[in-house]
Amino acid sequence: MNKPYIELRNRHDFGETINTYFLFLKYNFKKYTSLYLRYNAISIMLSIIASYLLVTGFMGLASRDFRFGMNNDGDHNIYLIVGAVVLILILFITALLNYSFSSAYMAEYVNSSGEVQSKNVWQKIKHNLGTVILFIFLGIGLYIGYFIVSLIFAFIPLIGMLIQYGLSFLLGAFFGLSFISIFSDNKGLSSALSEGWSFTFSSFGKVILYGLVIGILNMMITMLIISIPGFIIGIYVYFSLESNVDLVTSIFANVIFTLGFAMFLLSFIYTQALSQIAYSVLYYNIYEEKNNVFLRNKIEQIGVNE
């Protein structure tokens, strides 16, 4: 049975926009996730490598003695540094892949009325790759600026925290809306930024509240994903302590902690991709509210048919 096409280009209120996002996931979750895993194979492997290096470095820092027979106190620093570098590389690659893949997927979904083809998604990514790379570097600069501003407001009780969250949702929305703008109509960087800025502030209240709700929902998804390995790690640690097992020198403990941390990284990466799906839904909703293109075309088609 063919799954129904969820039209994103409608003039919805806030509640209907959230509902559209969940309807899209309901009917497209399996296909989207299948393609997502194919496009993020490199990120998954790097996540496991980074987890191993960071966990090994941390456990070496705790024990000052690696299981490989090394007694050099500086060895663990190498694992931590290399692991941190790989982790930064993961964040950059996944930001590039997740935002590009999710945006290209949604643009193809709308343009093909739900008949998404993997090759078309890849073609969209290749066509806009230069703009995407520039945008990612710009995004890094924006988030560095956000981090500095957040540190300043951190010294202001309560109000500073609210401002921090508001800026976070605002920046996330601006970034997400601008990114899908690149893929919706193959826009250049300046045009995409201009449209993202316009959409963000023309529907300011809706955008901030939408970001808050989606952020909470994605956090719940992350907690759900990591709850299983977290439970397993908790049980393992409990019985290991009861049995006087030295966790910091145990090979099995290293494997368990590595897989657990890798699951946390992968869940964070996946919810990042889901966030861009959500902002893509919001983008097409605001686009239709501002331009009324889809509804006008439907009315014109009715007139022609009559």
Protein backbone atom coordinates (compact mmCIF):
# COMPACT_ATOMS: atom_id res chain seq x y z
CA MET A 1 0.00 0.00 0.00
CA ASN A 2 1.33 3.42 -0.95
CA LYS A 3 1.89 5.73 2.00
CA PRO A 4 0.03 9.04 1.82
CA TYR A 5 1.88 12.15 0.74
CA ILE A 6 1.97 14.78 3.49
CA GLU A 7 1.62 18.21 1.89
CA LEU A 8 3.97 20.64 3.63
CA ARG A 9 3.03 23.75 1.66
CA ASN A 10 -0.08 24.68 3.62
CA ARG A 11 -1.01 27.67 5.76
CA HIS A 12 -1.07 25.99 9.18
CA ASP A 13 -1.18 27.40 12.68
CA PHE A 14 1.38 26.36 15.29
CA GLY A 15 -0.39 23.18 16.44
CA GLU A 16 -1.05 22.00 12.89
CA THR A 17 2.60 22.58 11.96
CA ILE A 18 3.75 20.36 14.84
CA ASN A 19 1.17 17.76 13.81
CA THR A 20 2.44 17.87 10.20
CA TYR A 21 5.96 17.13 11.45
CA PHE A 22 4.76 14.04 13.32
CA LEU A 23 2.63 12.90 10.40
CA PHE A 24 5.66 13.13 8.15
CA LEU A 25 7.72 11.01 10.55
CA LYS A 26 4.87 8.53 10.92
CA TYR A 27 4.72 7.74 7.21
CA ASN A 28 8.35 8.37 6.20
CA PHE A 29 10.42 7.38 9.23
CA LYS A 30 11.56 4.00 7.86
CA LYS A 31 12.55 5.26 4.41
CA TYR A 32 14.21 8.38 5.76
CA THR A 33 16.19 6.46 8.39
CA SER A 34 17.28 3.85 5.85
CA LEU A 35 18.76 6.52 3.59
CA TYR A 36 20.14 8.37 6.60
CA LEU A 37 22.15 5.32 7.69
CA ARG A 38 23.59 4.94 4.19
CA TYR A 39 24.68 8.57 4.03
CA ASN A 40 26.09 8.57 7.58
CA ALA A 41 28.13 5.36 7.47
CA ILE A 42 31.36 7.37 7.76
CA SER A 43 30.03 9.34 10.75
CA ILE A 44 28.99 6.15 12.51
CA MET A 45 32.46 4.60 12.10
CA LEU A 46 34.17 7.82 13.24
CA SER A 47 31.85 8.02 16.25
CA ILE A 48 32.91 4.55 17.38
CA ILE A 49 36.59 5.39 16.85
CA ALA A 50 36.29 8.68 18.76
CA SER A 51 34.41 6.94 21.58
CA TYR A 52 37.13 4.31 21.88
CA LEU A 53 39.91 6.89 21.97
CA LEU A 54 38.18 9.15 24.48
CA VAL A 55 37.10 6.30 26.78
CA THR A 56 40.56 4.71 26.63
CA GLY A 57 42.20 8.07 27.33
CA PHE A 58 39.86 8.82 30.24
CA MET A 59 40.30 5.38 31.79
CA GLY A 60 44.05 5.70 31.34
CA LEU A 61 43.91 9.08 33.06
CA ALA A 62 42.13 7.41 35.96
CA SER A 63 44.44 4.42 36.24
CA ARG A 64 47.75 5.86 34.96
CA ASP A 65 48.34 2.39 33.53
CA PHE A 66 47.08 1.14 30.15
CA ARG A 67 46.16 -2.44 29.49
CA PHE A 68 48.70 -2.50 26.65
CA GLY A 69 51.50 -2.62 29.21
CA MET A 70 52.42 1.05 28.85
CA ASN A 71 53.45 2.84 32.02
CA ASN A 72 54.08 6.25 30.52
CA ASP A 73 51.79 8.79 32.19
CA GLY A 74 51.67 10.84 28.98
CA ASP A 75 50.20 8.10 26.83
CA HIS A 76 46.62 8.76 27.92
CA ASN A 77 46.98 12.38 26.83
CA ILE A 78 47.59 11.21 23.26
CA TYR A 79 44.37 9.17 23.29
CA LEU A 80 42.39 12.11 24.67
CA ILE A 81 43.82 14.61 22.19
CA VAL A 82 43.36 12.33 19.18
CA GLY A 83 39.88 11.40 20.37
CA ALA A 84 38.96 15.07 20.75
CA VAL A 85 40.26 15.85 17.26
CA VAL A 86 38.27 12.98 15.78
CA LEU A 87 35.20 14.15 17.72
CA ILE A 88 35.53 17.67 16.27
CA LEU A 89 35.91 16.11 12.82
CA ILE A 90 32.74 14.10 13.44
CA LEU A 91 30.79 17.20 14.43
CA PHE A 92 31.90 19.01 11.27
CA ILE A 93 31.23 16.08 8.92
CA THR A 94 27.86 15.26 10.48
CA ALA A 95 26.79 18.90 10.39
CA LEU A 96 27.69 18.92 6.71
CA LEU A 97 25.93 15.61 6.02
CA ASN A 98 22.91 15.88 8.31
CA TYR A 99 21.82 19.37 7.34
CA SER A 100 22.53 18.68 3.67
CA PHE A 101 20.87 15.27 3.61
CA SER A 102 17.78 16.27 5.58
CA SER A 103 17.31 19.48 3.56
CA ALA A 104 17.86 17.74 0.22
CA TYR A 105 15.51 14.92 1.28
CA MET A 106 12.74 17.34 2.21
CA ALA A 107 13.17 19.43 -0.94
CA GLU A 108 13.01 16.27 -3.06
CA TYR A 109 10.01 15.05 -1.06
CA VAL A 110 8.07 18.24 -1.84
CA ASN A 111 9.17 18.47 -5.48
CA SER A 112 8.39 14.81 -6.22
CA SER A 113 5.17 14.62 -4.19
CA GLY A 114 6.72 12.10 -1.82
CA GLU A 115 8.49 9.87 -4.37
CA VAL A 116 12.02 10.43 -3.05
CA GLN A 117 14.86 8.91 -5.07
CA SER A 118 18.26 8.47 -3.44
CA LYS A 119 20.14 9.58 -6.56
CA ASN A 120 18.17 12.83 -6.71
CA VAL A 121 18.98 13.57 -3.07
CA TRP A 122 22.66 13.00 -3.77
CA GLN A 123 22.50 15.21 -6.88
CA LYS A 124 21.03 18.05 -4.84
CA ILE A 125 23.80 17.73 -2.27
CA LYS A 126 26.54 17.74 -4.94
CA HIS A 127 24.97 20.70 -6.74
CA ASN A 128 24.90 22.81 -3.56
CA LEU A 129 28.06 21.47 -1.91
CA GLY A 130 30.09 24.68 -2.30
CA THR A 131 27.34 26.81 -0.75
CA VAL A 132 26.89 24.25 2.03
CA ILE A 133 30.59 24.29 2.99
CA LEU A 134 30.62 28.09 3.13
CA PHE A 135 27.45 28.00 5.21
CA ILE A 136 28.93 25.46 7.67
CA PHE A 137 31.99 27.67 8.25
CA LEU A 138 29.70 30.65 8.73
CA GLY A 139 27.64 28.58 11.18
CA ILE A 140 30.78 27.72 13.17
CA GLY A 141 31.53 31.43 13.43
CA LEU A 142 27.96 32.16 14.54
CA TYR A 143 28.06 29.50 17.22
CA ILE A 144 31.41 30.76 18.51
CA GLY A 145 29.82 34.19 18.81
CA TYR A 146 26.81 32.64 20.55
CA PHE A 147 29.11 30.86 23.01
CA ILE A 148 30.85 34.13 23.91
CA VAL A 149 27.55 35.96 24.36
CA SER A 150 26.20 33.08 26.45
CA LEU A 151 29.20 33.31 28.78
CA ILE A 152 28.45 36.99 29.32
CA PHE A 153 24.76 36.40 30.09
CA ALA A 154 25.63 33.44 32.34
CA PHE A 155 26.50 35.92 35.09
CA ILE A 156 22.92 37.30 35.09
CA PRO A 157 20.61 35.12 37.23
CA LEU A 158 17.41 33.77 35.62
CA ILE A 159 17.09 36.51 32.97
CA GLY A 160 20.49 35.57 31.58
CA MET A 161 19.41 31.92 31.34
CA LEU A 162 16.21 32.87 29.51
CA ILE A 163 18.18 35.02 27.09
CA GLN A 164 20.61 32.14 26.50
CA TYR A 165 17.78 29.74 25.63
CA GLY A 166 16.08 32.35 23.46
CA LEU A 167 19.28 33.00 21.50
CA SER A 168 19.84 29.26 21.14
CA PHE A 169 16.39 28.66 19.64
CA LEU A 170 16.69 31.79 17.47
CA LEU A 171 20.09 30.78 16.09
CA GLY A 172 18.97 27.19 15.53
CA ALA A 173 15.87 28.36 13.65
CA PHE A 174 17.81 30.84 11.53
CA PHE A 175 20.39 28.20 10.68
CA GLY A 176 17.78 25.53 9.87
CA LEU A 177 15.51 27.79 7.79
CA SER A 178 18.45 29.21 5.84
CA PHE A 179 19.79 25.73 5.14
CA ILE A 180 16.57 24.36 3.68
CA SER A 181 16.30 27.58 1.67
CA ILE A 182 19.51 26.59 -0.14
CA PHE A 183 17.99 23.30 -1.31
CA SER A 184 14.41 24.36 -1.90
CA ASP A 185 15.28 26.34 -5.01
CA ASN A 186 19.09 26.04 -5.37
CA LYS A 187 19.62 29.48 -3.81
CA GLY A 188 23.02 31.05 -3.27
CA LEU A 189 24.40 31.78 0.18
CA SER A 190 23.31 35.42 0.38
CA SER A 191 19.78 34.68 -0.89
CA ALA A 192 19.38 31.77 1.54
CA LEU A 193 20.60 33.85 4.48
CA SER A 194 18.30 36.70 3.52
CA GLU A 195 15.28 34.40 3.31
CA GLY A 196 16.18 32.59 6.53
CA TRP A 197 16.54 35.92 8.35
CA SER A 198 13.22 37.17 6.95
CA PHE A 199 11.34 33.98 7.88
CA THR A 200 12.84 33.88 11.37
CA PHE A 201 11.83 37.41 12.36
CA SER A 202 8.57 37.67 10.42
CA SER A 203 7.21 34.75 12.48
CA PHE A 204 9.36 35.34 15.55
CA GLY A 205 6.97 34.02 18.23
CA LYS A 206 6.04 30.94 16.23
CA VAL A 207 9.68 30.17 15.41
CA ILE A 208 10.88 30.46 19.03
CA LEU A 209 8.03 28.34 20.41
CA TYR A 210 8.47 25.79 17.61
CA GLY A 211 12.19 25.52 18.40
CA LEU A 212 11.41 25.03 22.10
CA VAL A 213 8.90 22.25 21.46
CA ILE A 214 11.10 20.47 18.90
CA GLY A 215 14.10 20.80 21.21
CA ILE A 216 12.21 19.15 24.07
CA LEU A 217 10.90 16.38 21.82
CA ASN A 218 14.34 15.66 20.37
CA MET A 219 15.84 15.61 23.87
CA MET A 220 13.22 13.00 24.82
CA ILE A 221 14.16 10.96 21.74
CA THR A 222 17.84 11.16 22.72
CA MET A 223 17.09 10.05 26.28
CA LEU A 224 14.98 7.17 24.96
CA ILE A 225 17.75 5.99 22.65
CA ILE A 226 20.47 6.08 25.30
CA SER A 227 18.28 4.67 28.07
CA ILE A 228 18.95 1.07 26.97
CA PRO A 229 22.79 1.25 26.92
CA GLY A 230 22.60 3.45 30.03
CA PHE A 231 20.63 0.77 31.86
CA ILE A 232 23.06 -1.93 30.73
CA ILE A 233 26.09 0.13 31.82
CA GLY A 234 24.46 0.86 35.19
CA ILE A 235 23.78 -2.82 35.85
CA TYR A 236 27.30 -3.77 34.73
CA VAL A 237 28.96 -1.15 36.95
CA TYR A 238 26.83 -2.17 39.94
CA PHE A 239 27.74 -5.86 39.74
CA SER A 240 31.36 -5.05 38.90
CA LEU A 241 31.70 -2.99 42.05
CA GLU A 242 29.96 -5.72 44.04
CA SER A 243 32.51 -8.22 42.65
CA ASN A 244 35.48 -5.87 43.20
CA VAL A 245 36.26 -5.73 39.47
CA ASP A 246 38.77 -3.01 38.54
CA LEU A 247 36.77 -1.11 35.90
CA VAL A 248 39.60 1.15 34.76
CA THR A 249 41.78 -1.80 33.69
CA SER A 250 39.02 -4.11 32.44
CA ILE A 251 38.92 -4.73 28.68
CA PHE A 252 35.22 -5.61 28.82
CA ALA A 253 34.46 -2.40 30.73
CA ASN A 254 36.30 -0.42 28.04
CA VAL A 255 34.14 -2.05 25.36
CA ILE A 256 30.91 -1.39 27.30
CA PHE A 257 31.76 2.27 27.98
CA THR A 258 32.90 2.79 24.39
CA LEU A 259 29.64 1.45 22.97
CA GLY A 260 27.63 3.47 25.47
CA PHE A 261 29.38 6.73 24.60
CA ALA A 262 29.12 5.93 20.89
CA MET A 263 25.35 5.46 21.32
CA PHE A 264 25.15 8.88 22.95
CA LEU A 265 27.06 10.50 20.06
CA LEU A 266 24.97 8.71 17.44
CA SER A 267 21.70 9.66 19.13
CA PHE A 268 22.83 13.30 19.24
CA ILE A 269 23.75 13.14 15.55
CA TYR A 270 20.43 11.57 14.62
CA THR A 271 18.33 14.10 16.55
CA GLN A 272 20.33 16.83 14.82
CA ALA A 273 19.07 15.44 11.51
CA LEU A 274 15.51 15.25 12.85
CA SER A 275 15.76 18.89 13.90
CA GLN A 276 16.47 19.87 10.33
CA ILE A 277 13.48 17.83 9.18
CA ALA A 278 11.38 19.82 11.65
CA TYR A 279 12.71 23.17 10.44
CA SER A 280 12.11 22.11 6.85
CA VAL A 281 8.44 21.55 7.73
CA LEU A 282 8.37 25.00 9.34
CA TYR A 283 10.10 26.55 6.31
CA TYR A 284 7.48 25.38 3.81
CA ASN A 285 4.71 26.48 6.17
CA ILE A 286 6.10 30.02 6.54
CA TYR A 287 6.94 30.18 2.82
CA GLU A 288 3.32 29.47 1.95
CA GLU A 289 2.08 32.00 4.51
CA LYS A 290 4.27 34.71 3.00
CA ASN A 291 3.97 33.88 -0.72
CA ASN A 292 0.75 31.87 -1.05
CA VAL A 293 2.21 30.06 -4.09
CA PHE A 294 0.81 26.55 -3.62
CA LEU A 295 -2.74 27.65 -2.84
CA ARG A 296 -2.74 30.06 -5.77
CA ASN A 297 -1.58 27.30 -8.13
CA LYS A 298 -4.33 24.98 -6.86
CA ILE A 299 -6.96 27.65 -7.48
CA GLU A 300 -5.58 28.26 -10.99
CA GLN A 301 -5.68 24.52 -11.75
CA ILE A 302 -9.32 24.34 -10.62
CA GLY A 303 -10.13 27.24 -12.96
CA VAL A 304 -8.39 25.52 -15.88
CA ASN A 305 -10.16 22.20 -15.22
CA GLU A 306 -13.52 23.89 -15.16
